[in-house]
């Protein structure tokens, strides 16, 4: 029997997938109606967190943040058997994941943080990505249990909080894309192009395929190997800003980047590759 604590969109998806695979699933949620909604799919809804975990083979946690995870696990702890396996898919701080791993180990409970890059449909279909890290024996033990729940299980090594850290890194990229999309739509509007029409560019021009190479170029810090010099990049940024200003439309992502470009040009880097804007972030070696 498997228990899921937290049946929001993602937790509900996990529950439905496990039920579809023939597992017996017990569910709990602070808003009880969300757990009750899974009864029609075959789950057993339980009102008390401690009762929900009592007798479970393993527990999956899908909650909002560190505070929620800590409070719910504490509420459930009366039902934990010695050696209980708790797999936490919540997006939390690395420090929180590290502290929980240690704290629950001291209490005889095996806690593993395994955050995901998955939406509700991914959870139902067993697609997307699940991250995990930490004790090598534990990772080997849980891999056969977790692999069917996701499209790809990414083992990030022995550092306990590595999965939590990489989850935040990945989410930052998603936020950055959202900010870029906002500026793209604004810039397009300033030039009389609708948002959907602007998006047709990406039917053919797929910068995502270049992501790995572009990131490597950034971190290699080979600023003398110039593919797009900073002065030319700044000129293009100036053209973009001028179009937005002419139409009275605000850009949000570009102005601080342009300011950094100006700073680096002032420091004498105009003829270096534009990725020099990141030089202050990279440690020598």
Protein backbone atom coordinates (compact mmCIF):
# COMPACT_ATOMS: atom_id res chain seq x y z
CA UNK A 1 0.00 0.00 0.00
CA UNK A 2 1.26 3.44 -0.95
CA UNK A 3 0.25 6.70 0.74
CA UNK A 4 0.28 10.11 -0.89
CA UNK A 5 0.28 13.16 1.35
CA UNK A 6 -0.87 16.13 -0.70
CA UNK A 7 -3.32 15.63 -3.54
CA UNK A 8 -3.13 18.86 -5.46
CA UNK A 9 -2.69 18.67 -9.22
CA UNK A 10 0.61 16.77 -9.11
CA UNK A 11 -0.20 14.52 -6.16
CA UNK A 12 -3.53 13.60 -7.71
CA UNK A 13 -1.75 12.71 -10.94
CA UNK A 14 0.64 10.43 -9.10
CA UNK A 15 -2.24 8.76 -7.27
CA UNK A 16 -4.18 8.12 -10.46
CA UNK A 17 -1.10 6.67 -12.18
CA UNK A 18 -0.34 4.34 -9.27
CA UNK A 19 -3.96 3.19 -9.17
CA UNK A 20 -3.92 2.56 -12.90
CA UNK A 21 -0.84 0.36 -12.36
CA UNK A 22 -2.70 -1.77 -9.84
CA UNK A 23 -1.33 -0.29 -6.61
CA UNK A 24 -3.42 0.19 -3.49
CA UNK A 25 -3.30 3.91 -2.75
CA UNK A 26 -4.29 5.83 0.35
CA UNK A 27 -4.53 9.62 0.05
CA UNK A 28 -4.62 12.56 2.44
CA UNK A 29 -4.92 16.29 1.83
CA UNK A 30 -5.40 19.24 4.15
CA UNK A 31 -8.43 20.18 2.04
CA UNK A 32 -10.24 16.89 2.34
CA UNK A 33 -12.39 17.32 -0.77
CA UNK A 34 -9.30 17.00 -2.95
CA UNK A 35 -8.51 13.61 -1.48
CA UNK A 36 -12.16 12.55 -1.72
CA UNK A 37 -12.14 13.34 -5.44
CA UNK A 38 -9.73 10.42 -5.93
CA UNK A 39 -12.08 7.87 -4.39
CA UNK A 40 -13.88 7.46 -7.71
CA UNK A 41 -10.54 6.39 -9.21
CA UNK A 42 -10.08 3.73 -6.53
CA UNK A 43 -8.09 5.54 -3.84
CA UNK A 44 -8.87 5.35 -0.12
CA UNK A 45 -9.22 8.86 1.30
CA UNK A 46 -8.20 9.30 4.95
CA UNK A 47 -8.88 12.41 7.02
CA UNK A 48 -5.95 12.04 9.44
CA UNK A 49 -2.34 12.19 8.20
CA UNK A 50 -1.06 9.71 10.81
CA UNK A 51 -3.76 7.20 9.90
CA UNK A 52 -3.05 7.71 6.21
CA UNK A 53 0.57 6.56 6.59
CA UNK A 54 -0.04 3.78 9.10
CA UNK A 55 0.89 0.43 7.52
CA UNK A 56 2.08 1.97 4.24
CA UNK A 57 4.96 0.43 2.32
CA UNK A 58 6.08 3.90 1.36
CA UNK A 59 4.86 7.49 1.53
CA UNK A 60 5.01 10.10 -1.22
CA UNK A 61 4.83 13.77 -0.23
CA UNK A 62 3.68 16.42 -2.70
CA UNK A 63 3.28 19.74 -0.90
CA UNK A 64 3.95 23.43 -1.39
CA UNK A 65 7.10 24.29 0.54
CA UNK A 66 9.42 23.56 3.45
CA UNK A 67 6.93 24.73 6.08
CA UNK A 68 4.14 22.55 4.69
CA UNK A 69 6.39 19.49 4.38
CA UNK A 70 7.72 19.87 7.92
CA UNK A 71 4.29 20.37 9.47
CA UNK A 72 2.62 17.51 7.58
CA UNK A 73 5.43 15.04 8.25
CA UNK A 74 5.28 15.92 11.93
CA UNK A 75 1.49 15.42 11.92
CA UNK A 76 1.94 12.07 10.18
CA UNK A 77 4.81 10.90 12.35
CA UNK A 78 2.62 9.08 14.87
CA UNK A 79 1.74 6.63 12.10
CA UNK A 80 5.27 6.03 10.88
CA UNK A 81 6.72 2.58 11.43
CA UNK A 82 10.45 2.25 12.04
CA UNK A 83 12.33 2.44 8.74
CA UNK A 84 9.41 4.04 6.87
CA UNK A 85 10.41 5.29 3.41
CA UNK A 86 9.25 8.85 2.73
CA UNK A 87 9.84 10.24 -0.78
CA UNK A 88 9.28 13.98 -1.01
CA UNK A 89 8.53 15.44 -4.46
CA UNK A 90 7.92 18.99 -3.19
CA UNK A 91 10.02 21.89 -4.42
CA UNK A 92 11.87 23.03 -1.31
CA UNK A 93 15.09 24.70 -0.28
CA UNK A 94 18.32 22.69 -0.42
CA UNK A 95 18.88 23.47 3.26
CA UNK A 96 15.44 22.17 4.12
CA UNK A 97 16.01 18.92 2.24
CA UNK A 98 19.36 18.45 3.96
CA UNK A 99 17.96 19.14 7.43
CA UNK A 100 14.95 16.85 6.93
CA UNK A 101 17.13 13.99 5.72
CA UNK A 102 19.25 14.22 8.85
CA UNK A 103 16.39 14.85 11.25
CA UNK A 104 14.25 11.95 10.10
CA UNK A 105 17.22 9.59 9.89
CA UNK A 106 17.83 10.31 13.58
CA UNK A 107 14.18 9.37 14.19
CA UNK A 108 14.51 6.09 12.33
CA UNK A 109 12.75 7.22 9.13
CA UNK A 110 14.26 7.16 5.64
CA UNK A 111 13.58 10.48 3.91
CA UNK A 112 14.55 11.10 0.29
CA UNK A 113 14.00 14.31 -1.64
CA UNK A 114 13.00 13.66 -5.26
CA UNK A 115 11.62 16.85 -6.85
CA UNK A 116 10.25 16.77 -10.37
CA UNK A 117 9.97 18.65 -13.63
CA UNK A 118 6.48 17.32 -14.27
CA UNK A 119 3.00 18.72 -14.71
CA UNK A 120 -0.24 16.95 -13.78
CA UNK A 121 -0.47 15.21 -17.17
CA UNK A 122 3.13 14.01 -16.82
CA UNK A 123 2.31 12.53 -13.41
CA UNK A 124 -0.66 10.63 -14.82
CA UNK A 125 1.26 9.41 -17.87
CA UNK A 126 4.57 8.67 -16.11
CA UNK A 127 6.50 11.16 -18.24
CA UNK A 128 8.73 14.14 -17.42
CA UNK A 129 11.75 14.15 -15.13
CA UNK A 130 12.32 13.18 -11.51
CA UNK A 131 15.52 14.20 -9.72
CA UNK A 132 17.14 12.43 -6.81
CA UNK A 133 20.46 12.46 -4.99
CA UNK A 134 22.03 11.30 -1.78
CA UNK A 135 23.06 8.00 -0.20
CA UNK A 136 24.09 5.58 -2.95
CA UNK A 137 22.52 2.51 -1.38
CA UNK A 138 19.24 4.32 -0.84
CA UNK A 139 19.16 5.64 -4.39
CA UNK A 140 19.78 2.13 -5.74
CA UNK A 141 17.01 0.79 -3.52
CA UNK A 142 14.36 3.31 -4.58
CA UNK A 143 15.20 3.51 -8.28
CA UNK A 144 13.00 0.52 -9.26
CA UNK A 145 10.11 2.07 -7.30
CA UNK A 146 10.43 5.56 -8.73
CA UNK A 147 11.39 4.82 -12.34
CA UNK A 148 7.84 3.79 -13.39
CA UNK A 149 6.50 7.10 -12.05
CA UNK A 150 8.43 9.27 -14.51
CA UNK A 151 9.78 9.39 -18.02
CA UNK A 152 13.35 9.83 -16.82
CA UNK A 153 14.92 9.45 -13.40
CA UNK A 154 17.96 11.70 -13.02
CA UNK A 155 20.47 10.57 -10.38
CA UNK A 156 22.52 13.65 -9.48
CA UNK A 157 25.04 11.97 -7.21
CA UNK A 158 25.78 11.61 -3.50
CA UNK A 159 25.25 15.21 -2.35
CA UNK A 160 22.00 15.06 -0.37
CA UNK A 161 20.70 18.51 -1.37
CA UNK A 162 21.78 18.34 -5.02
CA UNK A 163 18.32 17.42 -6.31
CA UNK A 164 16.77 20.36 -4.48
CA UNK A 165 19.42 22.71 -5.87
CA UNK A 166 19.04 21.51 -9.45
CA UNK A 167 15.26 21.81 -9.22
CA UNK A 168 15.64 25.50 -8.37
CA UNK A 169 18.13 25.96 -11.21
CA UNK A 170 15.72 24.40 -13.67
CA UNK A 171 12.81 26.48 -12.44
CA UNK A 172 14.90 29.63 -12.83
CA UNK A 173 15.37 28.77 -16.49
CA UNK A 174 11.59 28.41 -16.85
CA UNK A 175 11.09 31.79 -15.17
CA UNK A 176 13.70 33.31 -17.47
CA UNK A 177 11.90 31.96 -20.51
CA UNK A 178 8.69 33.50 -19.21
CA UNK A 179 10.40 36.86 -18.80
CA UNK A 180 11.86 36.58 -22.30
CA UNK A 181 8.44 35.72 -23.73
CA UNK A 182 7.02 38.81 -22.03
CA UNK A 183 9.61 41.04 -23.72
CA UNK A 184 9.19 39.25 -27.05
CA UNK A 185 5.44 39.88 -27.01
CA UNK A 186 5.99 43.51 -25.97
CA UNK A 187 8.62 44.13 -28.64
CA UNK A 188 6.48 42.48 -31.29
CA UNK A 189 3.50 44.63 -30.29
CA UNK A 190 5.61 47.76 -30.57
CA UNK A 191 6.29 46.82 -34.20
CA UNK A 192 2.67 45.96 -35.00
CA UNK A 193 3.06 42.18 -34.75
CA UNK A 194 0.66 40.07 -32.68
CA UNK A 195 1.84 37.62 -30.04
CA UNK A 196 0.76 34.52 -31.94
CA UNK A 197 2.24 35.77 -35.19
CA UNK A 198 5.55 36.50 -33.45
CA UNK A 199 5.55 32.95 -32.14
CA UNK A 200 5.58 31.53 -35.66
CA UNK A 201 9.28 32.45 -35.78
CA UNK A 202 9.94 29.53 -33.45
CA UNK A 203 8.29 27.07 -35.82
CA UNK A 204 11.56 27.24 -37.76
CA UNK A 205 14.06 29.01 -35.49
CA UNK A 206 14.48 26.72 -32.49
CA UNK A 207 16.96 28.26 -30.04
CA UNK A 208 16.21 25.46 -27.56
CA UNK A 209 18.29 23.11 -29.69
CA UNK A 210 21.26 25.41 -29.03
CA UNK A 211 20.77 25.65 -25.27
CA UNK A 212 23.53 23.26 -24.21
CA UNK A 213 26.11 24.74 -26.58
CA UNK A 214 25.20 28.31 -25.63
CA UNK A 215 25.42 27.56 -21.92
CA UNK A 216 28.81 25.92 -22.42
CA UNK A 217 30.02 28.95 -24.35
CA UNK A 218 28.89 31.15 -21.47
CA UNK A 219 30.66 29.08 -18.80
CA UNK A 220 33.81 28.51 -20.86
CA UNK A 221 34.40 32.26 -20.65
CA UNK A 222 36.30 32.23 -23.96
CA UNK A 223 35.64 35.92 -24.55
CA UNK A 224 38.37 36.27 -27.18
CA UNK A 225 36.65 33.63 -29.34
CA UNK A 226 34.14 36.14 -30.62
CA UNK A 227 30.93 35.06 -32.35
CA UNK A 228 28.89 38.17 -31.47
CA UNK A 229 30.87 41.04 -30.04
CA UNK A 230 29.48 43.02 -27.15
CA UNK A 231 29.30 46.29 -29.07
CA UNK A 232 27.15 44.73 -31.80
CA UNK A 233 24.94 43.00 -29.23
CA UNK A 234 24.45 46.33 -27.46
CA UNK A 235 23.52 47.94 -30.77
CA UNK A 236 20.81 45.33 -31.27
CA UNK A 237 19.55 45.88 -27.74
CA UNK A 238 19.41 49.61 -28.49
CA UNK A 239 17.30 48.97 -31.59
CA UNK A 240 14.88 46.83 -29.57
CA UNK A 241 14.56 49.42 -26.83
CA UNK A 242 14.00 52.19 -29.38
CA UNK A 243 11.06 50.32 -30.93
CA UNK A 244 9.49 49.75 -27.53
CA UNK A 245 10.04 53.37 -26.48
CA UNK A 246 8.52 54.65 -29.72
CA UNK A 247 5.35 52.68 -29.02
CA UNK A 248 5.33 53.49 -25.30
CA UNK A 249 5.57 49.81 -24.38
CA UNK A 250 7.61 48.61 -21.40
CA UNK A 251 10.29 45.97 -21.71
CA UNK A 252 11.16 44.21 -18.45
CA UNK A 253 14.04 41.88 -19.15
CA UNK A 254 16.09 43.93 -21.60
CA UNK A 255 16.82 47.15 -19.65
CA UNK A 256 18.88 45.59 -16.82
CA UNK A 257 20.76 43.46 -19.35
CA UNK A 258 21.47 46.54 -21.47
CA UNK A 259 22.74 48.34 -18.39
CA UNK A 260 25.15 45.46 -17.73
CA UNK A 261 26.31 45.63 -21.35
CA UNK A 262 27.01 49.35 -20.92
CA UNK A 263 29.00 48.65 -17.77
CA UNK A 264 31.14 46.04 -19.51
CA UNK A 265 31.71 48.28 -22.54
CA UNK A 266 32.83 50.99 -20.12
CA UNK A 267 35.32 48.52 -18.69
CA UNK A 268 36.85 48.03 -22.14
CA UNK A 269 35.14 44.82 -23.30
CA UNK A 270 33.31 46.17 -26.37
CA UNK A 271 35.19 43.90 -28.79
CA UNK A 272 34.95 40.78 -26.67
CA UNK A 273 32.23 38.17 -27.06
CA UNK A 274 28.95 39.43 -25.59
CA UNK A 275 28.95 36.59 -23.03
CA UNK A 276 31.48 38.68 -21.13
CA UNK A 277 28.43 40.14 -19.34
CA UNK A 278 28.62 37.06 -17.13
CA UNK A 279 32.30 37.30 -16.26
CA UNK A 280 31.70 38.57 -12.71
CA UNK A 281 29.65 35.44 -11.93
CA UNK A 282 32.26 32.90 -12.92
CA UNK A 283 34.96 31.91 -10.46
CA UNK A 284 38.46 31.38 -11.85
CA UNK A 285 38.92 27.73 -12.82
